[in-house]
Amino acid sequence: MRQRIGQWVIGGVLGGMLLVGCQSAASVSRSSSNIEPERLWEVAQQWVGVPYRYGGESEAGIDCSALAQRILQAFGIRVPRTVAQQFAAGKPIPKDAVQPGDLLFFAFRRKPSHVGVYLDNGFFVHASSSAGVIISSLRNSYYFHHWVAVRRFYPAIVEYRPEE
């Protein structure tokens, strides 16, 4: 079931999810947590409705980790490709400190198997295996109870070293 709130489509589907975040590459001191929520919503909305495809990486079909990767890339942040790699590579953040652009990890068995990008006000975007790319709420008890971790990513820092 989908509900339209303003210009955003909110999904109410149970199942896998993906949260995605963005950031501007203009400032290397910024992290995924410094992303402007309005811009993040715009980028996320561009993906809403894209079908889920395991291993997919495009508008023709995408999985949760590729969606997170593509959204963060739009803001100059590079992240690994798979859920396990993303979980291992990001900086751990307490759940009560989640900010727009952070990756949310969900475990439906023993280890994280799904990722989404936190948008703002309890909403996140993810690629659901049953509904494609949707925006869901952490207020949904299903997602809230399976949410196990938050990771933050930073843009690559290019260091200038003058020739000696």
N, C-alpha and C. Protein backbone atom coordinates (compact mmCIF):
# COMPACT_ATOMS: atom_id res chain seq x y z
N MET A 1 0.84 -1.17 0.00
CA MET A 1 0.00 0.00 0.00
C MET A 1 0.89 1.24 0.00
N ARG A 2 0.60 2.19 -0.85
CA ARG A 2 1.36 3.42 -0.90
C ARG A 2 0.47 4.58 -0.52
N GLN A 3 1.06 5.54 0.13
CA GLN A 3 0.35 6.73 0.54
C GLN A 3 1.14 7.94 0.06
N ARG A 4 0.47 8.88 -0.57
CA ARG A 4 1.17 10.06 -1.05
C ARG A 4 1.07 11.14 0.03
N ILE A 5 2.22 11.63 0.47
CA ILE A 5 2.30 12.70 1.44
C ILE A 5 3.02 13.84 0.75
N GLY A 6 2.27 14.87 0.39
CA GLY A 6 2.88 15.95 -0.39
C GLY A 6 3.34 15.36 -1.70
N GLN A 7 4.62 15.55 -2.04
CA GLN A 7 5.16 15.00 -3.27
C GLN A 7 5.90 13.68 -3.05
N TRP A 8 5.90 13.17 -1.82
CA TRP A 8 6.65 11.95 -1.52
C TRP A 8 5.71 10.76 -1.42
N VAL A 9 6.14 9.64 -1.96
CA VAL A 9 5.37 8.42 -1.88
C VAL A 9 5.93 7.59 -0.74
N ILE A 10 5.08 7.23 0.20
CA ILE A 10 5.50 6.47 1.36
C ILE A 10 4.98 5.05 1.21
N GLY A 11 5.89 4.08 1.29
CA GLY A 11 5.49 2.69 1.14
C GLY A 11 5.16 2.08 2.48
N GLY A 12 4.21 1.20 2.48
CA GLY A 12 3.83 0.50 3.69
C GLY A 12 3.96 -0.99 3.47
N VAL A 13 5.07 -1.42 2.92
CA VAL A 13 5.26 -2.82 2.55
C VAL A 13 6.20 -3.49 3.54
N LEU A 14 5.90 -4.70 3.93
CA LEU A 14 6.80 -5.47 4.77
C LEU A 14 7.81 -6.17 3.88
N GLY A 15 9.01 -6.29 4.35
CA GLY A 15 10.03 -6.97 3.57
C GLY A 15 11.33 -6.22 3.60
N GLY A 16 12.23 -6.56 2.70
CA GLY A 16 13.53 -5.93 2.66
C GLY A 16 13.43 -4.45 2.39
N MET A 17 14.42 -3.72 2.85
CA MET A 17 14.37 -2.29 2.63
C MET A 17 15.75 -1.74 2.39
N LEU A 18 15.79 -0.57 1.83
CA LEU A 18 17.06 0.08 1.58
C LEU A 18 16.94 1.54 1.88
N LEU A 19 17.88 2.05 2.59
CA LEU A 19 17.90 3.46 2.90
C LEU A 19 19.05 4.07 2.15
N VAL A 20 18.85 5.25 1.67
CA VAL A 20 19.91 5.85 0.90
C VAL A 20 20.15 7.26 1.35
N GLY A 21 21.37 7.71 1.21
CA GLY A 21 21.71 9.05 1.63
C GLY A 21 22.60 9.72 0.62
N CYS A 22 22.69 11.02 0.72
CA CYS A 22 23.45 11.77 -0.24
C CYS A 22 24.25 12.87 0.42
N GLN A 23 25.21 13.40 -0.32
CA GLN A 23 25.99 14.51 0.17
C GLN A 23 26.67 15.21 -0.97
N SER A 24 26.94 16.47 -0.78
CA SER A 24 27.66 17.24 -1.78
C SER A 24 29.14 16.94 -1.67
N ALA A 25 29.80 16.82 -2.81
CA ALA A 25 31.23 16.57 -2.81
C ALA A 25 32.02 17.86 -2.73
N ALA A 26 31.32 18.98 -2.62
CA ALA A 26 32.00 20.27 -2.61
C ALA A 26 32.86 20.48 -1.38
N SER A 27 32.51 19.87 -0.29
CA SER A 27 33.25 20.08 0.94
C SER A 27 33.71 18.75 1.50
N VAL A 28 35.01 18.56 1.60
CA VAL A 28 35.52 17.29 2.10
C VAL A 28 35.33 17.15 3.59
N SER A 29 34.96 18.22 4.28
CA SER A 29 34.74 18.11 5.71
C SER A 29 33.33 17.61 6.02
N ARG A 30 32.49 17.49 5.01
CA ARG A 30 31.13 17.02 5.22
C ARG A 30 31.08 15.51 5.18
N SER A 31 30.13 14.94 5.88
CA SER A 31 29.92 13.50 5.85
C SER A 31 28.52 13.23 5.33
N SER A 32 28.17 11.95 5.25
CA SER A 32 26.82 11.62 4.82
C SER A 32 25.80 12.21 5.78
N SER A 33 26.22 12.53 7.00
CA SER A 33 25.29 13.11 7.97
C SER A 33 25.05 14.59 7.75
N ASN A 34 25.79 15.23 6.85
CA ASN A 34 25.63 16.65 6.59
C ASN A 34 24.84 16.91 5.32
N ILE A 35 24.17 15.93 4.81
CA ILE A 35 23.42 16.08 3.57
C ILE A 35 22.16 16.90 3.84
N GLU A 36 21.85 17.78 2.92
CA GLU A 36 20.63 18.57 3.05
C GLU A 36 19.43 17.65 2.82
N PRO A 37 18.53 17.56 3.79
CA PRO A 37 17.39 16.63 3.66
C PRO A 37 16.55 16.87 2.40
N GLU A 38 16.34 18.12 2.03
CA GLU A 38 15.51 18.39 0.85
C GLU A 38 16.12 17.80 -0.41
N ARG A 39 17.42 17.95 -0.57
CA ARG A 39 18.11 17.40 -1.74
C ARG A 39 18.10 15.87 -1.70
N LEU A 40 18.29 15.32 -0.52
CA LEU A 40 18.27 13.87 -0.36
C LEU A 40 16.91 13.30 -0.76
N TRP A 41 15.82 13.95 -0.33
CA TRP A 41 14.48 13.52 -0.72
C TRP A 41 14.33 13.58 -2.23
N GLU A 42 14.85 14.62 -2.86
CA GLU A 42 14.75 14.75 -4.32
C GLU A 42 15.45 13.59 -5.03
N VAL A 43 16.65 13.29 -4.58
CA VAL A 43 17.40 12.19 -5.19
C VAL A 43 16.69 10.86 -4.95
N ALA A 44 16.22 10.64 -3.75
CA ALA A 44 15.51 9.39 -3.43
C ALA A 44 14.26 9.24 -4.28
N GLN A 45 13.51 10.33 -4.44
CA GLN A 45 12.27 10.28 -5.20
C GLN A 45 12.51 9.89 -6.65
N GLN A 46 13.68 10.22 -7.19
CA GLN A 46 13.99 9.84 -8.57
C GLN A 46 14.05 8.32 -8.73
N TRP A 47 14.31 7.60 -7.65
CA TRP A 47 14.42 6.14 -7.71
C TRP A 47 13.11 5.42 -7.38
N VAL A 48 12.17 6.12 -6.72
CA VAL A 48 10.92 5.48 -6.31
C VAL A 48 10.20 4.90 -7.53
N GLY A 49 9.79 3.65 -7.38
CA GLY A 49 9.10 2.96 -8.46
C GLY A 49 9.98 2.07 -9.31
N VAL A 50 11.29 2.20 -9.19
CA VAL A 50 12.20 1.32 -9.93
C VAL A 50 12.03 -0.10 -9.37
N PRO A 51 11.90 -1.09 -10.23
CA PRO A 51 11.70 -2.46 -9.74
C PRO A 51 12.94 -3.02 -9.04
N TYR A 52 12.69 -3.96 -8.13
CA TYR A 52 13.78 -4.65 -7.45
C TYR A 52 14.32 -5.73 -8.37
N ARG A 53 15.64 -5.85 -8.40
CA ARG A 53 16.29 -6.94 -9.11
C ARG A 53 17.56 -7.29 -8.36
N TYR A 54 17.66 -8.52 -7.87
CA TYR A 54 18.86 -8.94 -7.15
C TYR A 54 20.07 -8.80 -8.06
N GLY A 55 21.08 -8.08 -7.59
CA GLY A 55 22.28 -7.83 -8.39
C GLY A 55 22.13 -6.66 -9.35
N GLY A 56 20.92 -6.09 -9.43
CA GLY A 56 20.68 -4.98 -10.35
C GLY A 56 21.34 -3.69 -9.87
N GLU A 57 21.73 -2.86 -10.85
CA GLU A 57 22.44 -1.62 -10.53
C GLU A 57 21.96 -0.43 -11.35
N SER A 58 20.76 -0.52 -11.93
CA SER A 58 20.31 0.55 -12.82
C SER A 58 18.82 0.81 -12.65
N GLU A 59 18.32 1.76 -13.43
CA GLU A 59 16.91 2.11 -13.41
C GLU A 59 16.04 0.97 -13.93
N ALA A 60 16.64 0.01 -14.61
CA ALA A 60 15.89 -1.16 -15.10
C ALA A 60 15.59 -2.13 -13.96
N GLY A 61 16.34 -2.06 -12.89
CA GLY A 61 16.18 -2.92 -11.72
C GLY A 61 17.37 -2.77 -10.82
N ILE A 62 17.12 -2.68 -9.51
CA ILE A 62 18.21 -2.40 -8.57
C ILE A 62 17.96 -3.13 -7.26
N ASP A 63 19.03 -3.52 -6.58
CA ASP A 63 18.88 -4.12 -5.26
C ASP A 63 19.22 -3.08 -4.19
N CYS A 64 19.06 -3.45 -2.93
CA CYS A 64 19.17 -2.48 -1.85
C CYS A 64 20.57 -1.86 -1.71
N SER A 65 21.60 -2.67 -1.81
CA SER A 65 22.95 -2.12 -1.62
C SER A 65 23.38 -1.26 -2.80
N ALA A 66 22.95 -1.62 -4.00
CA ALA A 66 23.26 -0.79 -5.17
C ALA A 66 22.53 0.55 -5.08
N LEU A 67 21.30 0.53 -4.57
CA LEU A 67 20.56 1.78 -4.42
C LEU A 67 21.28 2.71 -3.44
N ALA A 68 21.71 2.18 -2.32
CA ALA A 68 22.45 2.99 -1.34
C ALA A 68 23.71 3.54 -1.98
N GLN A 69 24.41 2.70 -2.71
CA GLN A 69 25.64 3.10 -3.38
C GLN A 69 25.37 4.22 -4.38
N ARG A 70 24.36 4.07 -5.21
CA ARG A 70 24.06 5.06 -6.24
C ARG A 70 23.62 6.40 -5.63
N ILE A 71 22.83 6.34 -4.59
CA ILE A 71 22.38 7.60 -3.97
C ILE A 71 23.55 8.34 -3.35
N LEU A 72 24.39 7.64 -2.62
CA LEU A 72 25.54 8.31 -2.01
C LEU A 72 26.52 8.81 -3.07
N GLN A 73 26.66 8.09 -4.17
CA GLN A 73 27.53 8.54 -5.27
C GLN A 73 27.06 9.89 -5.81
N ALA A 74 25.76 10.13 -5.80
CA ALA A 74 25.22 11.39 -6.30
C ALA A 74 25.73 12.58 -5.48
N PHE A 75 26.25 12.30 -4.29
CA PHE A 75 26.76 13.34 -3.41
C PHE A 75 28.26 13.23 -3.18
N GLY A 76 28.92 12.49 -4.06
CA GLY A 76 30.37 12.39 -3.97
C GLY A 76 30.89 11.45 -2.90
N ILE A 77 30.05 10.54 -2.43
CA ILE A 77 30.46 9.59 -1.40
C ILE A 77 30.52 8.20 -2.01
N ARG A 78 31.67 7.58 -1.91
CA ARG A 78 31.85 6.23 -2.46
C ARG A 78 31.68 5.21 -1.35
N VAL A 79 30.88 4.20 -1.63
CA VAL A 79 30.68 3.11 -0.68
C VAL A 79 30.84 1.79 -1.42
N PRO A 80 31.18 0.73 -0.70
CA PRO A 80 31.30 -0.59 -1.34
C PRO A 80 29.96 -1.06 -1.90
N ARG A 81 29.97 -2.16 -2.63
CA ARG A 81 28.80 -2.64 -3.36
C ARG A 81 27.82 -3.47 -2.54
N THR A 82 28.28 -4.34 -1.67
CA THR A 82 27.36 -5.27 -1.00
C THR A 82 26.99 -4.80 0.41
N VAL A 83 25.90 -5.35 0.93
CA VAL A 83 25.46 -5.02 2.29
C VAL A 83 26.57 -5.33 3.29
N ALA A 84 27.18 -6.50 3.19
CA ALA A 84 28.23 -6.87 4.14
C ALA A 84 29.42 -5.91 4.06
N GLN A 85 29.82 -5.55 2.85
CA GLN A 85 30.94 -4.61 2.69
C GLN A 85 30.58 -3.23 3.22
N GLN A 86 29.37 -2.77 2.97
CA GLN A 86 28.94 -1.47 3.45
C GLN A 86 28.89 -1.45 4.97
N PHE A 87 28.38 -2.52 5.55
CA PHE A 87 28.30 -2.62 7.01
C PHE A 87 29.69 -2.57 7.63
N ALA A 88 30.64 -3.27 7.03
CA ALA A 88 32.00 -3.33 7.56
C ALA A 88 32.77 -2.02 7.36
N ALA A 89 32.49 -1.30 6.29
CA ALA A 89 33.29 -0.13 5.94
C ALA A 89 32.83 1.18 6.59
N GLY A 90 31.57 1.29 6.93
CA GLY A 90 31.06 2.55 7.47
C GLY A 90 31.44 2.77 8.92
N LYS A 91 31.38 4.03 9.34
CA LYS A 91 31.65 4.36 10.74
C LYS A 91 30.39 4.08 11.56
N PRO A 92 30.50 3.26 12.61
CA PRO A 92 29.33 2.97 13.45
C PRO A 92 28.82 4.24 14.14
N ILE A 93 27.52 4.41 14.13
CA ILE A 93 26.85 5.57 14.73
C ILE A 93 25.72 5.03 15.61
N PRO A 94 25.53 5.59 16.81
CA PRO A 94 24.41 5.14 17.65
C PRO A 94 23.07 5.40 16.94
N LYS A 95 22.11 4.51 17.14
CA LYS A 95 20.81 4.66 16.49
C LYS A 95 20.14 5.99 16.84
N ASP A 96 20.35 6.47 18.04
CA ASP A 96 19.70 7.73 18.43
C ASP A 96 20.40 8.96 17.86
N ALA A 97 21.45 8.76 17.07
CA ALA A 97 22.18 9.87 16.44
C ALA A 97 22.08 9.83 14.92
N VAL A 98 21.15 9.03 14.38
CA VAL A 98 21.01 8.90 12.93
C VAL A 98 20.66 10.24 12.30
N GLN A 99 21.27 10.49 11.14
CA GLN A 99 21.06 11.75 10.42
C GLN A 99 20.86 11.45 8.94
N PRO A 100 20.25 12.41 8.20
CA PRO A 100 20.04 12.18 6.77
C PRO A 100 21.32 11.78 6.05
N GLY A 101 21.21 10.73 5.24
CA GLY A 101 22.34 10.22 4.49
C GLY A 101 23.02 9.02 5.12
N ASP A 102 22.73 8.76 6.38
CA ASP A 102 23.31 7.58 7.03
C ASP A 102 22.67 6.32 6.45
N LEU A 103 23.43 5.23 6.45
CA LEU A 103 22.89 3.95 6.00
C LEU A 103 22.33 3.21 7.20
N LEU A 104 21.14 2.65 7.01
CA LEU A 104 20.49 1.85 8.05
C LEU A 104 20.58 0.39 7.64
N PHE A 105 20.92 -0.45 8.60
CA PHE A 105 21.06 -1.88 8.32
C PHE A 105 20.01 -2.66 9.10
N PHE A 106 19.47 -3.66 8.40
CA PHE A 106 18.40 -4.48 8.96
C PHE A 106 18.82 -5.94 8.90
N ALA A 107 18.48 -6.67 9.96
CA ALA A 107 18.79 -8.11 10.01
C ALA A 107 17.47 -8.86 10.11
N PHE A 108 17.26 -9.77 9.19
CA PHE A 108 16.06 -10.59 9.20
C PHE A 108 16.40 -12.01 9.63
N ARG A 109 17.66 -12.26 9.80
CA ARG A 109 18.15 -13.51 10.35
C ARG A 109 19.18 -13.14 11.40
N ARG A 110 20.39 -13.57 11.28
CA ARG A 110 21.40 -13.27 12.30
C ARG A 110 22.26 -12.06 11.99
N LYS A 111 22.51 -11.79 10.72
CA LYS A 111 23.40 -10.69 10.36
C LYS A 111 22.69 -9.73 9.42
N PRO A 112 23.21 -8.50 9.31
CA PRO A 112 22.56 -7.55 8.41
C PRO A 112 22.46 -8.09 6.99
N SER A 113 21.26 -7.97 6.43
CA SER A 113 21.03 -8.47 5.07
C SER A 113 20.31 -7.45 4.20
N HIS A 114 20.02 -6.29 4.76
CA HIS A 114 19.30 -5.27 4.02
C HIS A 114 19.80 -3.90 4.46
N VAL A 115 19.83 -2.96 3.51
CA VAL A 115 20.30 -1.61 3.81
C VAL A 115 19.37 -0.59 3.16
N GLY A 116 19.26 0.55 3.81
CA GLY A 116 18.47 1.65 3.29
C GLY A 116 19.17 2.95 3.64
N VAL A 117 18.72 4.04 3.06
CA VAL A 117 19.31 5.35 3.34
C VAL A 117 18.31 6.17 4.14
N TYR A 118 18.76 6.69 5.27
CA TYR A 118 17.90 7.51 6.12
C TYR A 118 17.68 8.86 5.46
N LEU A 119 16.41 9.27 5.39
CA LEU A 119 16.05 10.54 4.76
C LEU A 119 15.91 11.64 5.81
N ASP A 120 14.91 11.53 6.67
CA ASP A 120 14.65 12.52 7.70
C ASP A 120 13.33 12.15 8.38
N ASN A 121 13.13 12.62 9.59
CA ASN A 121 11.86 12.44 10.31
C ASN A 121 11.37 11.00 10.35
N GLY A 122 12.30 10.04 10.47
CA GLY A 122 11.93 8.64 10.57
C GLY A 122 11.72 7.92 9.25
N PHE A 123 11.92 8.58 8.13
CA PHE A 123 11.73 7.95 6.82
C PHE A 123 13.05 7.54 6.20
N PHE A 124 13.00 6.48 5.40
CA PHE A 124 14.17 6.01 4.68
C PHE A 124 13.74 5.46 3.33
N VAL A 125 14.69 5.39 2.41
CA VAL A 125 14.41 4.86 1.09
C VAL A 125 15.18 3.54 0.96
N HIS A 126 14.54 2.59 0.31
CA HIS A 126 15.17 1.27 0.14
C HIS A 126 14.55 0.54 -1.02
N ALA A 127 15.24 -0.50 -1.47
CA ALA A 127 14.73 -1.36 -2.54
C ALA A 127 14.15 -2.62 -1.91
N SER A 128 12.85 -2.68 -1.87
CA SER A 128 12.14 -3.82 -1.31
C SER A 128 12.03 -4.92 -2.36
N SER A 129 12.31 -6.15 -1.95
CA SER A 129 12.24 -7.25 -2.91
C SER A 129 10.82 -7.47 -3.41
N SER A 130 9.83 -7.05 -2.66
CA SER A 130 8.44 -7.25 -3.08
C SER A 130 7.80 -6.03 -3.73
N ALA A 131 8.36 -4.83 -3.52
CA ALA A 131 7.70 -3.63 -4.04
C ALA A 131 8.62 -2.70 -4.82
N GLY A 132 9.89 -3.05 -4.97
CA GLY A 132 10.82 -2.15 -5.64
C GLY A 132 11.24 -1.02 -4.73
N VAL A 133 11.70 0.07 -5.31
CA VAL A 133 12.19 1.19 -4.50
C VAL A 133 11.01 1.96 -3.93
N ILE A 134 11.00 2.04 -2.60
CA ILE A 134 9.93 2.73 -1.88
C ILE A 134 10.53 3.54 -0.73
N ILE A 135 9.73 4.42 -0.21
CA ILE A 135 10.09 5.17 0.99
C ILE A 135 9.22 4.62 2.11
N SER A 136 9.87 4.23 3.22
CA SER A 136 9.16 3.62 4.34
C SER A 136 9.48 4.38 5.62
N SER A 137 8.77 4.02 6.68
CA SER A 137 8.94 4.68 7.97
C SER A 137 9.52 3.73 9.00
N LEU A 138 10.43 4.25 9.81
CA LEU A 138 10.95 3.47 10.93
C LEU A 138 9.89 3.33 12.02
N ARG A 139 8.80 4.08 11.91
CA ARG A 139 7.71 3.94 12.86
C ARG A 139 6.93 2.64 12.63
N ASN A 140 7.14 2.04 11.46
CA ASN A 140 6.57 0.73 11.17
C ASN A 140 7.29 -0.28 12.07
N SER A 141 6.55 -0.97 12.90
CA SER A 141 7.18 -1.85 13.89
C SER A 141 8.03 -2.95 13.25
N TYR A 142 7.65 -3.39 12.07
CA TYR A 142 8.43 -4.43 11.38
C TYR A 142 9.85 -3.94 11.11
N TYR A 143 9.96 -2.77 10.51
CA TYR A 143 11.28 -2.22 10.21
C TYR A 143 12.02 -1.86 11.49
N PHE A 144 11.33 -1.24 12.42
CA PHE A 144 11.98 -0.80 13.65
C PHE A 144 12.59 -1.98 14.40
N HIS A 145 11.89 -3.08 14.48
CA HIS A 145 12.40 -4.25 15.21
C HIS A 145 13.52 -4.99 14.50
N HIS A 146 13.63 -4.81 13.18
CA HIS A 146 14.71 -5.46 12.44
C HIS A 146 15.91 -4.53 12.19
N TRP A 147 15.77 -3.27 12.58
CA TRP A 147 16.84 -2.28 12.40
C TRP A 147 17.93 -2.55 13.44
N VAL A 148 19.14 -2.88 12.96
CA VAL A 148 20.20 -3.27 13.88
C VAL A 148 21.38 -2.31 13.96
N ALA A 149 21.58 -1.46 12.95
CA ALA A 149 22.78 -0.61 12.99
C ALA A 149 22.67 0.58 12.04
N VAL A 150 23.54 1.56 12.31
CA VAL A 150 23.68 2.74 11.47
C VAL A 150 25.15 2.88 11.11
N ARG A 151 25.42 3.23 9.86
CA ARG A 151 26.79 3.49 9.43
C ARG A 151 26.82 4.82 8.69
N ARG A 152 27.91 5.54 8.88
CA ARG A 152 28.10 6.83 8.21
C ARG A 152 29.32 6.74 7.32
N PHE A 153 29.24 7.39 6.17
CA PHE A 153 30.35 7.42 5.21
C PHE A 153 30.77 8.85 4.95
N TYR A 154 32.02 9.00 4.60
CA TYR A 154 32.61 10.30 4.34
C TYR A 154 33.15 10.32 2.91
N PRO A 155 33.17 11.50 2.28
CA PRO A 155 33.73 11.57 0.93
C PRO A 155 35.23 11.32 0.97
N ALA A 156 35.76 10.86 -0.16
CA ALA A 156 37.20 10.65 -0.24
C ALA A 156 37.91 11.99 -0.08
N ILE A 157 38.97 11.99 0.68
CA ILE A 157 39.74 13.21 0.87
C ILE A 157 40.97 13.12 -0.02
N VAL A 158 41.08 14.07 -0.88
CA VAL A 158 42.24 14.11 -1.77
C VAL A 158 43.25 15.06 -1.15
N GLU A 159 44.39 14.55 -0.86
CA GLU A 159 45.42 15.36 -0.21
C GLU A 159 46.39 15.89 -1.27
N TYR A 160 46.62 17.18 -1.23
CA TYR A 160 47.57 17.80 -2.15
C TYR A 160 48.95 17.81 -1.52
N ARG A 161 49.90 17.26 -2.25
CA ARG A 161 51.29 17.28 -1.79
C ARG A 161 52.15 17.91 -2.88
N PRO A 162 52.64 19.10 -2.61
CA PRO A 162 53.47 19.75 -3.62
C PRO A 162 54.74 18.94 -3.87
N GLU A 163 55.22 19.01 -5.09
CA GLU A 163 56.45 18.29 -5.42
C GLU A 163 57.61 18.86 -4.61
N GLU A 164 58.45 17.96 -4.19
CA GLU A 164 59.59 18.40 -3.38
C GLU A 164 60.79 18.67 -4.26
